[in-house]
PDB file of all heavy atoms in Angstrom:
ATOM      1  N   VAL A   1       5.338  -5.579 -20.358  1.00  0.00           N
ATOM      2  CA  VAL A   1       4.350  -4.551 -20.378  1.00  0.00           C
ATOM      3  C   VAL A   1       4.970  -3.286 -19.721  1.00  0.00           C
ATOM      4  O   VAL A   1       5.893  -3.262 -18.925  1.00  0.00           O
ATOM      5  CB  VAL A   1       3.047  -4.866 -19.651  1.00  0.00           C
ATOM      6  CG1 VAL A   1       2.346  -6.038 -20.373  1.00  0.00           C
ATOM      7  CG2 VAL A   1       3.309  -5.165 -18.252  1.00  0.00           C
ATOM      8  N   THR A   2       4.363  -2.121 -20.220  1.00  0.00           N
ATOM      9  CA  THR A   2       4.777  -0.792 -19.682  1.00  0.00           C
ATOM     10  C   THR A   2       3.555  -0.273 -18.824  1.00  0.00           C
ATOM     11  O   THR A   2       2.462  -0.193 -19.389  1.00  0.00           O
ATOM     12  CB  THR A   2       5.127   0.178 -20.881  1.00  0.00           C
ATOM     13  OG1 THR A   2       6.161  -0.354 -21.594  1.00  0.00           O
ATOM     14  CG2 THR A   2       5.487   1.538 -20.257  1.00  0.00           C
ATOM     15  N   ARG A   3       3.846   0.154 -17.679  1.00  0.00           N
ATOM     16  CA  ARG A   3       2.824   0.744 -16.766  1.00  0.00           C
ATOM     17  C   ARG A   3       3.243   1.949 -16.022  1.00  0.00           C
ATOM     18  O   ARG A   3       4.476   2.120 -15.682  1.00  0.00           O
ATOM     19  CB  ARG A   3       2.386  -0.391 -15.776  1.00  0.00           C
ATOM     20  CG  ARG A   3       1.726  -1.551 -16.295  1.00  0.00           C
ATOM     21  CD  ARG A   3       0.255  -1.286 -16.694  1.00  0.00           C
ATOM     22  NE  ARG A   3      -0.399  -2.395 -17.174  1.00  0.00           N
ATOM     23  CZ  ARG A   3      -0.479  -2.888 -18.377  1.00  0.00           C
ATOM     24  NH1 ARG A   3       0.249  -2.301 -19.223  1.00  0.00           N
ATOM     25  NH2 ARG A   3      -1.170  -3.948 -18.649  1.00  0.00           N
ATOM     26  N   GLY A   4       2.328   2.864 -15.664  1.00  0.00           N
ATOM     27  CA  GLY A   4       2.501   3.940 -14.797  1.00  0.00           C
ATOM     28  C   GLY A   4       1.942   3.508 -13.464  1.00  0.00           C
ATOM     29  O   GLY A   4       1.646   2.383 -13.205  1.00  0.00           O
ATOM     30  N   PRO A   5       1.860   4.405 -12.507  1.00  0.00           N
ATOM     31  CA  PRO A   5       1.480   4.081 -11.123  1.00  0.00           C
ATOM     32  C   PRO A   5       0.075   3.440 -11.047  1.00  0.00           C
ATOM     33  O   PRO A   5      -0.062   2.391 -10.406  1.00  0.00           O
ATOM     34  CB  PRO A   5       1.448   5.481 -10.369  1.00  0.00           C
ATOM     35  CG  PRO A   5       2.425   6.242 -11.140  1.00  0.00           C
ATOM     36  CD  PRO A   5       2.298   5.886 -12.547  1.00  0.00           C
ATOM     37  N   LEU A   6      -0.899   4.049 -11.640  1.00  0.00           N
ATOM     38  CA  LEU A   6      -2.244   3.529 -11.608  1.00  0.00           C
ATOM     39  C   LEU A   6      -2.318   2.082 -12.331  1.00  0.00           C
ATOM     40  O   LEU A   6      -2.964   1.104 -11.882  1.00  0.00           O
ATOM     41  CB  LEU A   6      -3.307   4.378 -12.123  1.00  0.00           C
ATOM     42  CG  LEU A   6      -3.486   5.713 -11.193  1.00  0.00           C
ATOM     43  CD1 LEU A   6      -4.462   6.588 -11.907  1.00  0.00           C
ATOM     44  CD2 LEU A   6      -3.792   5.375  -9.775  1.00  0.00           C
ATOM     45  N   GLY A   7      -1.695   2.048 -13.467  1.00  0.00           N
ATOM     46  CA  GLY A   7      -1.656   0.768 -14.277  1.00  0.00           C
ATOM     47  C   GLY A   7      -0.905  -0.333 -13.487  1.00  0.00           C
ATOM     48  O   GLY A   7      -1.462  -1.562 -13.533  1.00  0.00           O
ATOM     49  N   LEU A   8       0.152  -0.019 -12.784  1.00  0.00           N
ATOM     50  CA  LEU A   8       0.835  -0.993 -11.984  1.00  0.00           C
ATOM     51  C   LEU A   8      -0.037  -1.561 -10.794  1.00  0.00           C
ATOM     52  O   LEU A   8      -0.176  -2.710 -10.578  1.00  0.00           O
ATOM     53  CB  LEU A   8       2.169  -0.526 -11.437  1.00  0.00           C
ATOM     54  CG  LEU A   8       2.982  -1.486 -10.612  1.00  0.00           C
ATOM     55  CD1 LEU A   8       3.271  -2.736 -11.341  1.00  0.00           C
ATOM     56  CD2 LEU A   8       4.284  -0.768 -10.111  1.00  0.00           C
ATOM     57  N   LEU A   9      -0.675  -0.524 -10.217  1.00  0.00           N
ATOM     58  CA  LEU A   9      -1.530  -0.881  -8.978  1.00  0.00           C
ATOM     59  C   LEU A   9      -2.678  -1.762  -9.448  1.00  0.00           C
ATOM     60  O   LEU A   9      -3.034  -2.752  -8.787  1.00  0.00           O
ATOM     61  CB  LEU A   9      -2.079   0.394  -8.267  1.00  0.00           C
ATOM     62  CG  LEU A   9      -1.088   1.058  -7.428  1.00  0.00           C
ATOM     63  CD1 LEU A   9      -1.699   2.451  -6.945  1.00  0.00           C
ATOM     64  CD2 LEU A   9      -0.726   0.302  -6.266  1.00  0.00           C
ATOM     65  N   ASP A  10      -3.266  -1.404 -10.587  1.00  0.00           N
ATOM     66  CA  ASP A  10      -4.424  -2.269 -11.142  1.00  0.00           C
ATOM     67  C   ASP A  10      -3.891  -3.693 -11.400  1.00  0.00           C
ATOM     68  O   ASP A  10      -4.649  -4.713 -10.932  1.00  0.00           O
ATOM     69  CB  ASP A  10      -4.977  -1.662 -12.494  1.00  0.00           C
ATOM     70  CG  ASP A  10      -5.743  -0.461 -12.198  1.00  0.00           C
ATOM     71  OD1 ASP A  10      -6.136  -0.112 -11.089  1.00  0.00           O
ATOM     72  OD2 ASP A  10      -6.020   0.358 -13.135  1.00  0.00           O
ATOM     73  N   LEU A  11      -2.752  -3.821 -11.997  1.00  0.00           N
ATOM     74  CA  LEU A  11      -2.261  -5.127 -12.397  1.00  0.00           C
ATOM     75  C   LEU A  11      -1.964  -5.875 -11.051  1.00  0.00           C
ATOM     76  O   LEU A  11      -2.308  -7.067 -10.965  1.00  0.00           O
ATOM     77  CB  LEU A  11      -1.061  -4.964 -13.169  1.00  0.00           C
ATOM     78  CG  LEU A  11      -0.346  -6.178 -13.756  1.00  0.00           C
ATOM     79  CD1 LEU A  11       0.360  -5.881 -14.956  1.00  0.00           C
ATOM     80  CD2 LEU A  11       0.638  -6.882 -12.735  1.00  0.00           C
ATOM     81  N   LEU A  12      -1.300  -5.290 -10.119  1.00  0.00           N
ATOM     82  CA  LEU A  12      -0.950  -5.962  -8.832  1.00  0.00           C
ATOM     83  C   LEU A  12      -2.252  -6.420  -8.042  1.00  0.00           C
ATOM     84  O   LEU A  12      -2.261  -7.447  -7.425  1.00  0.00           O
ATOM     85  CB  LEU A  12      -0.039  -5.124  -8.010  1.00  0.00           C
ATOM     86  CG  LEU A  12       1.302  -4.933  -8.537  1.00  0.00           C
ATOM     87  CD1 LEU A  12       2.059  -3.866  -7.823  1.00  0.00           C
ATOM     88  CD2 LEU A  12       2.169  -6.267  -8.439  1.00  0.00           C
ATOM     89  N   GLU A  13      -3.208  -5.549  -8.078  1.00  0.00           N
ATOM     90  CA  GLU A  13      -4.431  -5.788  -7.287  1.00  0.00           C
ATOM     91  C   GLU A  13      -5.159  -7.052  -7.881  1.00  0.00           C
ATOM     92  O   GLU A  13      -5.678  -7.879  -7.117  1.00  0.00           O
ATOM     93  CB  GLU A  13      -5.326  -4.664  -7.187  1.00  0.00           C
ATOM     94  CG  GLU A  13      -4.820  -3.575  -6.249  1.00  0.00           C
ATOM     95  CD  GLU A  13      -5.493  -2.260  -6.346  1.00  0.00           C
ATOM     96  OE1 GLU A  13      -6.302  -2.046  -7.335  1.00  0.00           O
ATOM     97  OE2 GLU A  13      -5.326  -1.241  -5.453  1.00  0.00           O
ATOM     98  N   VAL A  14      -5.139  -7.069  -9.178  1.00  0.00           N
ATOM     99  CA  VAL A  14      -5.775  -8.255  -9.830  1.00  0.00           C
ATOM    100  C   VAL A  14      -5.087  -9.511  -9.513  1.00  0.00           C
ATOM    101  O   VAL A  14      -5.592 -10.619  -9.111  1.00  0.00           O
ATOM    102  CB  VAL A  14      -5.809  -8.084 -11.374  1.00  0.00           C
ATOM    103  CG1 VAL A  14      -6.222  -9.377 -12.068  1.00  0.00           C
ATOM    104  CG2 VAL A  14      -6.801  -6.995 -11.723  1.00  0.00           C
ATOM    105  N   GLN A  15      -3.676  -9.537  -9.572  1.00  0.00           N
ATOM    106  CA  GLN A  15      -2.914 -10.721  -9.372  1.00  0.00           C
ATOM    107  C   GLN A  15      -2.962 -11.118  -7.889  1.00  0.00           C
ATOM    108  O   GLN A  15      -2.780 -12.252  -7.618  1.00  0.00           O
ATOM    109  CB  GLN A  15      -1.490 -10.519  -9.815  1.00  0.00           C
ATOM    110  CG  GLN A  15      -1.317 -10.327 -11.276  1.00  0.00           C
ATOM    111  CD  GLN A  15       0.155 -10.505 -11.797  1.00  0.00           C
ATOM    112  OE1 GLN A  15       1.062 -10.794 -10.978  1.00  0.00           O
ATOM    113  NE2 GLN A  15       0.465 -10.250 -12.997  1.00  0.00           N
ATOM    114  N   LEU A  16      -3.153 -10.124  -6.983  1.00  0.00           N
ATOM    115  CA  LEU A  16      -3.077 -10.517  -5.514  1.00  0.00           C
ATOM    116  C   LEU A  16      -4.564 -10.749  -5.038  1.00  0.00           C
ATOM    117  O   LEU A  16      -4.796 -11.032  -3.898  1.00  0.00           O
ATOM    118  CB  LEU A  16      -2.455  -9.307  -4.786  1.00  0.00           C
ATOM    119  CG  LEU A  16      -0.954  -9.234  -4.996  1.00  0.00           C
ATOM    120  CD1 LEU A  16      -0.486  -7.923  -4.357  1.00  0.00           C
ATOM    121  CD2 LEU A  16      -0.210 -10.452  -4.572  1.00  0.00           C
ATOM    122  N   GLY A  17      -5.609 -10.569  -5.862  1.00  0.00           N
ATOM    123  CA  GLY A  17      -6.949 -10.828  -5.455  1.00  0.00           C
ATOM    124  C   GLY A  17      -7.499  -9.777  -4.620  1.00  0.00           C
ATOM    125  O   GLY A  17      -8.437  -9.979  -3.759  1.00  0.00           O
ATOM    126  N   LEU A  18      -7.003  -8.522  -4.684  1.00  0.00           N
ATOM    127  CA  LEU A  18      -7.426  -7.380  -3.910  1.00  0.00           C
ATOM    128  C   LEU A  18      -8.622  -6.750  -4.577  1.00  0.00           C
ATOM    129  O   LEU A  18      -8.575  -6.576  -5.790  1.00  0.00           O
ATOM    130  CB  LEU A  18      -6.280  -6.440  -3.628  1.00  0.00           C
ATOM    131  CG  LEU A  18      -5.151  -6.938  -2.799  1.00  0.00           C
ATOM    132  CD1 LEU A  18      -4.026  -5.958  -2.836  1.00  0.00           C
ATOM    133  CD2 LEU A  18      -5.650  -7.295  -1.341  1.00  0.00           C
ATOM    134  N   PRO A  19      -9.618  -6.311  -3.776  1.00  0.00           N
ATOM    135  CA  PRO A  19     -10.769  -5.575  -4.478  1.00  0.00           C
ATOM    136  C   PRO A  19     -10.261  -4.240  -5.116  1.00  0.00           C
ATOM    137  O   PRO A  19      -9.564  -3.491  -4.527  1.00  0.00           O
ATOM    138  CB  PRO A  19     -11.685  -5.308  -3.326  1.00  0.00           C
ATOM    139  CG  PRO A  19     -10.873  -5.402  -2.004  1.00  0.00           C
ATOM    140  CD  PRO A  19      -9.757  -6.332  -2.353  1.00  0.00           C
ATOM    141  N   PRO A  20     -10.760  -3.982  -6.349  1.00  0.00           N
ATOM    142  CA  PRO A  20     -10.293  -2.805  -7.082  1.00  0.00           C
ATOM    143  C   PRO A  20     -10.993  -1.523  -6.466  1.00  0.00           C
ATOM    144  O   PRO A  20     -12.008  -1.644  -5.795  1.00  0.00           O
ATOM    145  CB  PRO A  20     -10.869  -3.053  -8.480  1.00  0.00           C
ATOM    146  CG  PRO A  20     -12.019  -3.934  -8.317  1.00  0.00           C
ATOM    147  CD  PRO A  20     -11.738  -4.832  -7.117  1.00  0.00           C
ATOM    148  N   VAL A  21     -10.416  -0.436  -6.736  1.00  0.00           N
ATOM    149  CA  VAL A  21     -10.908   0.855  -6.330  1.00  0.00           C
ATOM    150  C   VAL A  21     -11.725   1.411  -7.561  1.00  0.00           C
ATOM    151  O   VAL A  21     -11.024   1.802  -8.506  1.00  0.00           O
ATOM    152  CB  VAL A  21      -9.885   1.838  -5.788  1.00  0.00           C
ATOM    153  CG1 VAL A  21     -10.480   3.215  -5.431  1.00  0.00           C
ATOM    154  CG2 VAL A  21      -9.178   1.237  -4.566  1.00  0.00           C
ATOM    155  N   ILE A  22     -12.929   1.425  -7.574  1.00  0.00           N
ATOM    156  CA  ILE A  22     -13.754   1.833  -8.797  1.00  0.00           C
ATOM    157  C   ILE A  22     -14.493   3.165  -8.659  1.00  0.00           C
ATOM    158  O   ILE A  22     -15.116   3.598  -9.565  1.00  0.00           O
ATOM    159  CB  ILE A  22     -14.734   0.650  -9.112  1.00  0.00           C
ATOM    160  CG1 ILE A  22     -15.739   0.483  -7.991  1.00  0.00           C
ATOM    161  CG2 ILE A  22     -14.023  -0.547  -9.496  1.00  0.00           C
ATOM    162  CD1 ILE A  22     -16.789  -0.508  -8.350  1.00  0.00           C
ATOM    163  N   ALA A  23     -14.183   3.802  -7.499  1.00  0.00           N
ATOM    164  CA  ALA A  23     -14.924   5.102  -7.289  1.00  0.00           C
ATOM    165  C   ALA A  23     -14.404   6.184  -8.282  1.00  0.00           C
ATOM    166  O   ALA A  23     -13.227   6.160  -8.524  1.00  0.00           O
ATOM    167  CB  ALA A  23     -14.884   5.529  -5.905  1.00  0.00           C
ATOM    168  N   THR A  24     -15.253   7.060  -8.717  1.00  0.00           N
ATOM    169  CA  THR A  24     -14.725   8.153  -9.534  1.00  0.00           C
ATOM    170  C   THR A  24     -14.094   9.210  -8.635  1.00  0.00           C
ATOM    171  O   THR A  24     -14.248   9.194  -7.343  1.00  0.00           O
ATOM    172  CB  THR A  24     -15.873   8.799 -10.340  1.00  0.00           C
ATOM    173  OG1 THR A  24     -16.821   9.461  -9.430  1.00  0.00           O
ATOM    174  CG2 THR A  24     -16.632   7.786 -11.140  1.00  0.00           C
ATOM    175  N   SER A  25     -13.357  10.198  -9.225  1.00  0.00           N
ATOM    176  CA  SER A  25     -12.813  11.280  -8.459  1.00  0.00           C
ATOM    177  C   SER A  25     -13.830  12.163  -7.796  1.00  0.00           C
ATOM    178  O   SER A  25     -13.657  12.605  -6.747  1.00  0.00           O
ATOM    179  CB  SER A  25     -11.884  12.140  -9.386  1.00  0.00           C
ATOM    180  OG  SER A  25     -12.603  12.593 -10.509  1.00  0.00           O
ATOM    181  N   ALA A  26     -15.007  12.268  -8.514  1.00  0.00           N
ATOM    182  CA  ALA A  26     -16.134  13.008  -7.954  1.00  0.00           C
ATOM    183  C   ALA A  26     -16.726  12.305  -6.685  1.00  0.00           C
ATOM    184  O   ALA A  26     -16.997  13.025  -5.712  1.00  0.00           O
ATOM    185  CB  ALA A  26     -17.200  13.255  -9.019  1.00  0.00           C
ATOM    186  N   ASP A  27     -16.818  10.960  -6.723  1.00  0.00           N
ATOM    187  CA  ASP A  27     -17.313  10.233  -5.653  1.00  0.00           C
ATOM    188  C   ASP A  27     -16.386  10.470  -4.382  1.00  0.00           C
ATOM    189  O   ASP A  27     -16.850  10.634  -3.264  1.00  0.00           O
ATOM    190  CB  ASP A  27     -17.385   8.712  -5.917  1.00  0.00           C
ATOM    191  CG  ASP A  27     -18.484   8.419  -6.928  1.00  0.00           C
ATOM    192  OD1 ASP A  27     -19.489   9.275  -7.019  1.00  0.00           O
ATOM    193  OD2 ASP A  27     -18.365   7.478  -7.639  1.00  0.00           O
ATOM    194  N   THR A  28     -15.061  10.371  -4.667  1.00  0.00           N
ATOM    195  CA  THR A  28     -14.093  10.486  -3.629  1.00  0.00           C
ATOM    196  C   THR A  28     -14.167  11.890  -3.021  1.00  0.00           C
ATOM    197  O   THR A  28     -14.095  12.022  -1.748  1.00  0.00           O
ATOM    198  CB  THR A  28     -12.698  10.288  -4.171  1.00  0.00           C
ATOM    199  OG1 THR A  28     -12.598   8.914  -4.795  1.00  0.00           O
ATOM    200  CG2 THR A  28     -11.612  10.391  -3.055  1.00  0.00           C
ATOM    201  N   LEU A  29     -14.313  12.925  -3.830  1.00  0.00           N
ATOM    202  CA  LEU A  29     -14.361  14.265  -3.430  1.00  0.00           C
ATOM    203  C   LEU A  29     -15.522  14.486  -2.484  1.00  0.00           C
ATOM    204  O   LEU A  29     -15.460  15.169  -1.455  1.00  0.00           O
ATOM    205  CB  LEU A  29     -14.349  15.228  -4.541  1.00  0.00           C
ATOM    206  CG  LEU A  29     -14.425  16.732  -4.356  1.00  0.00           C
ATOM    207  CD1 LEU A  29     -13.258  17.176  -3.463  1.00  0.00           C
ATOM    208  CD2 LEU A  29     -14.619  17.595  -5.562  1.00  0.00           C
ATOM    209  N   MET A  30     -16.752  14.061  -2.915  1.00  0.00           N
ATOM    210  CA  MET A  30     -17.954  14.314  -2.122  1.00  0.00           C
ATOM    211  C   MET A  30     -17.904  13.454  -0.746  1.00  0.00           C
ATOM    212  O   MET A  30     -18.360  13.992   0.227  1.00  0.00           O
ATOM    213  CB  MET A  30     -19.067  13.778  -2.894  1.00  0.00           C
ATOM    214  CG  MET A  30     -19.431  14.699  -4.177  1.00  0.00           C
ATOM    215  SD  MET A  30     -19.801  16.404  -3.692  1.00  0.00           S
ATOM    216  CE  MET A  30     -18.218  17.152  -4.032  1.00  0.00           C
ATOM    217  N   ALA A  31     -17.257  12.309  -0.778  1.00  0.00           N
ATOM    218  CA  ALA A  31     -17.167  11.516   0.447  1.00  0.00           C
ATOM    219  C   ALA A  31     -16.271  12.250   1.382  1.00  0.00           C
ATOM    220  O   ALA A  31     -16.569  12.360   2.633  1.00  0.00           O
ATOM    221  CB  ALA A  31     -16.558  10.151   0.182  1.00  0.00           C
ATOM    222  N   TYR A  32     -15.173  12.887   0.888  1.00  0.00           N
ATOM    223  CA  TYR A  32     -14.288  13.576   1.801  1.00  0.00           C
ATOM    224  C   TYR A  32     -14.922  14.904   2.259  1.00  0.00           C
ATOM    225  O   TYR A  32     -14.694  15.290   3.399  1.00  0.00           O
ATOM    226  CB  TYR A  32     -13.040  13.833   1.145  1.00  0.00           C
ATOM    227  CG  TYR A  32     -11.808  14.207   2.014  1.00  0.00           C
ATOM    228  CD1 TYR A  32     -11.260  13.321   2.939  1.00  0.00           C
ATOM    229  CD2 TYR A  32     -11.315  15.519   2.072  1.00  0.00           C
ATOM    230  CE1 TYR A  32     -10.330  13.682   3.802  1.00  0.00           C
ATOM    231  CE2 TYR A  32     -10.352  15.946   3.017  1.00  0.00           C
ATOM    232  CZ  TYR A  32      -9.867  14.974   3.853  1.00  0.00           C
ATOM    233  OH  TYR A  32      -8.859  15.396   4.694  1.00  0.00           O
ATOM    234  N   ARG A  33     -15.652  15.504   1.415  1.00  0.00           N
ATOM    235  CA  ARG A  33     -16.370  16.713   1.846  1.00  0.00           C
ATOM    236  C   ARG A  33     -17.279  16.449   2.968  1.00  0.00           C
ATOM    237  O   ARG A  33     -17.423  17.251   3.843  1.00  0.00           O
ATOM    238  CB  ARG A  33     -17.111  17.353   0.649  1.00  0.00           C
ATOM    239  CG  ARG A  33     -17.910  18.540   0.989  1.00  0.00           C
ATOM    240  CD  ARG A  33     -18.927  18.923  -0.206  1.00  0.00           C
ATOM    241  NE  ARG A  33     -19.646  20.107   0.199  1.00  0.00           N
ATOM    242  CZ  ARG A  33     -20.637  20.655  -0.618  1.00  0.00           C
ATOM    243  NH1 ARG A  33     -20.715  20.131  -1.838  1.00  0.00           N
ATOM    244  NH2 ARG A  33     -21.306  21.662  -0.151  1.00  0.00           N
ATOM    245  N   ALA A  34     -17.997  15.271   2.899  1.00  0.00           N
ATOM    246  CA  ALA A  34     -18.845  14.920   3.967  1.00  0.00           C
ATOM    247  C   ALA A  34     -18.153  14.765   5.258  1.00  0.00           C
ATOM    248  O   ALA A  34     -18.658  15.090   6.328  1.00  0.00           O
ATOM    249  CB  ALA A  34     -19.690  13.722   3.579  1.00  0.00           C
ATOM    250  N   CYS A  35     -17.034  14.167   5.221  1.00  0.00           N
ATOM    251  CA  CYS A  35     -16.249  14.033   6.388  1.00  0.00           C
ATOM    252  C   CYS A  35     -15.763  15.372   7.037  1.00  0.00           C
ATOM    253  O   CYS A  35     -15.840  15.551   8.272  1.00  0.00           O
ATOM    254  CB  CYS A  35     -14.994  13.089   6.089  1.00  0.00           C
ATOM    255  SG  CYS A  35     -15.343  11.499   5.688  1.00  0.00           S
ATOM    256  N   LEU A  36     -15.381  16.282   6.098  1.00  0.00           N
ATOM    257  CA  LEU A  36     -14.967  17.645   6.653  1.00  0.00           C
ATOM    258  C   LEU A  36     -16.148  18.265   7.284  1.00  0.00           C
ATOM    259  O   LEU A  36     -16.026  18.882   8.390  1.00  0.00           O
ATOM    260  CB  LEU A  36     -14.464  18.459   5.431  1.00  0.00           C
ATOM    261  CG  LEU A  36     -13.136  17.993   4.927  1.00  0.00           C
ATOM    262  CD1 LEU A  36     -12.844  18.830   3.593  1.00  0.00           C
ATOM    263  CD2 LEU A  36     -12.027  18.393   5.944  1.00  0.00           C
ATOM    264  N   ALA A  37     -17.286  18.230   6.581  1.00  0.00           N
ATOM    265  CA  ALA A  37     -18.538  18.838   7.162  1.00  0.00           C
ATOM    266  C   ALA A  37     -18.935  18.291   8.523  1.00  0.00           C
ATOM    267  O   ALA A  37     -19.396  19.081   9.359  1.00  0.00           O
ATOM    268  CB  ALA A  37     -19.686  18.678   6.259  1.00  0.00           C
ATOM    269  N   GLU A  38     -18.722  17.039   8.716  1.00  0.00           N
ATOM    270  CA  GLU A  38     -19.134  16.361   9.998  1.00  0.00           C
ATOM    271  C   GLU A  38     -18.206  16.795  11.168  1.00  0.00           C
ATOM    272  O   GLU A  38     -18.708  16.967  12.287  1.00  0.00           O
ATOM    273  CB  GLU A  38     -19.035  14.915   9.828  1.00  0.00           C
ATOM    274  CG  GLU A  38     -19.703  14.139  11.032  1.00  0.00           C
ATOM    275  CD  GLU A  38     -19.964  12.661  10.734  1.00  0.00           C
ATOM    276  OE1 GLU A  38     -20.273  12.405   9.519  1.00  0.00           O
ATOM    277  OE2 GLU A  38     -19.994  11.872  11.649  1.00  0.00           O
ATOM    278  N   VAL A  39     -16.968  17.124  10.913  1.00  0.00           N
ATOM    279  CA  VAL A  39     -16.029  17.526  12.041  1.00  0.00           C
ATOM    280  C   VAL A  39     -15.880  19.055  12.042  1.00  0.00           C
ATOM    281  O   VAL A  39     -15.232  19.601  12.983  1.00  0.00           O
ATOM    282  CB  VAL A  39     -14.675  16.908  11.945  1.00  0.00           C
ATOM    283  CG1 VAL A  39     -14.821  15.420  11.946  1.00  0.00           C
ATOM    284  CG2 VAL A  39     -13.911  17.362  10.668  1.00  0.00           C
ATOM    285  N   ASP A  40     -16.446  19.713  11.062  1.00  0.00           N
ATOM    286  CA  ASP A  40     -16.341  21.183  10.981  1.00  0.00           C
ATOM    287  C   ASP A  40     -16.819  21.838  12.252  1.00  0.00           C
ATOM    288  O   ASP A  40     -17.883  21.524  12.693  1.00  0.00           O
ATOM    289  CB  ASP A  40     -16.913  21.705   9.712  1.00  0.00           C
ATOM    290  CG  ASP A  40     -16.725  23.246   9.524  1.00  0.00           C
ATOM    291  OD1 ASP A  40     -15.639  23.717   9.913  1.00  0.00           O
ATOM    292  OD2 ASP A  40     -17.498  23.876   8.884  1.00  0.00           O
ATOM    293  N   ALA A  41     -16.051  22.895  12.677  1.00  0.00           N
ATOM    294  CA  ALA A  41     -16.443  23.791  13.815  1.00  0.00           C
ATOM    295  C   ALA A  41     -15.548  25.023  13.720  1.00  0.00           C
ATOM    296  O   ALA A  41     -14.486  24.953  13.143  1.00  0.00           O
ATOM    297  CB  ALA A  41     -16.327  23.078  15.155  1.00  0.00           C
ATOM    298  N   PRO A  42     -15.952  26.045  14.329  1.00  0.00           N
ATOM    299  CA  PRO A  42     -15.169  27.299  14.312  1.00  0.00           C
ATOM    300  C   PRO A  42     -13.615  27.242  14.665  1.00  0.00           C
ATOM    301  O   PRO A  42     -12.824  27.840  13.931  1.00  0.00           O
ATOM    302  CB  PRO A  42     -15.857  28.224  15.294  1.00  0.00           C
ATOM    303  CG  PRO A  42     -17.268  27.857  15.250  1.00  0.00           C
ATOM    304  CD  PRO A  42     -17.155  26.363  15.085  1.00  0.00           C
TER     305      PRO A  42
END
């Protein structure tokens, strides 16, 4: 099979029984924004 980075990671995680990362890019962005807001200060 031919795979790129994300395709290879998906395949390896399945074979190793690791939980997949299913969050969207928007979910990730909003989660990181919340972290920035929590530590934000002048």
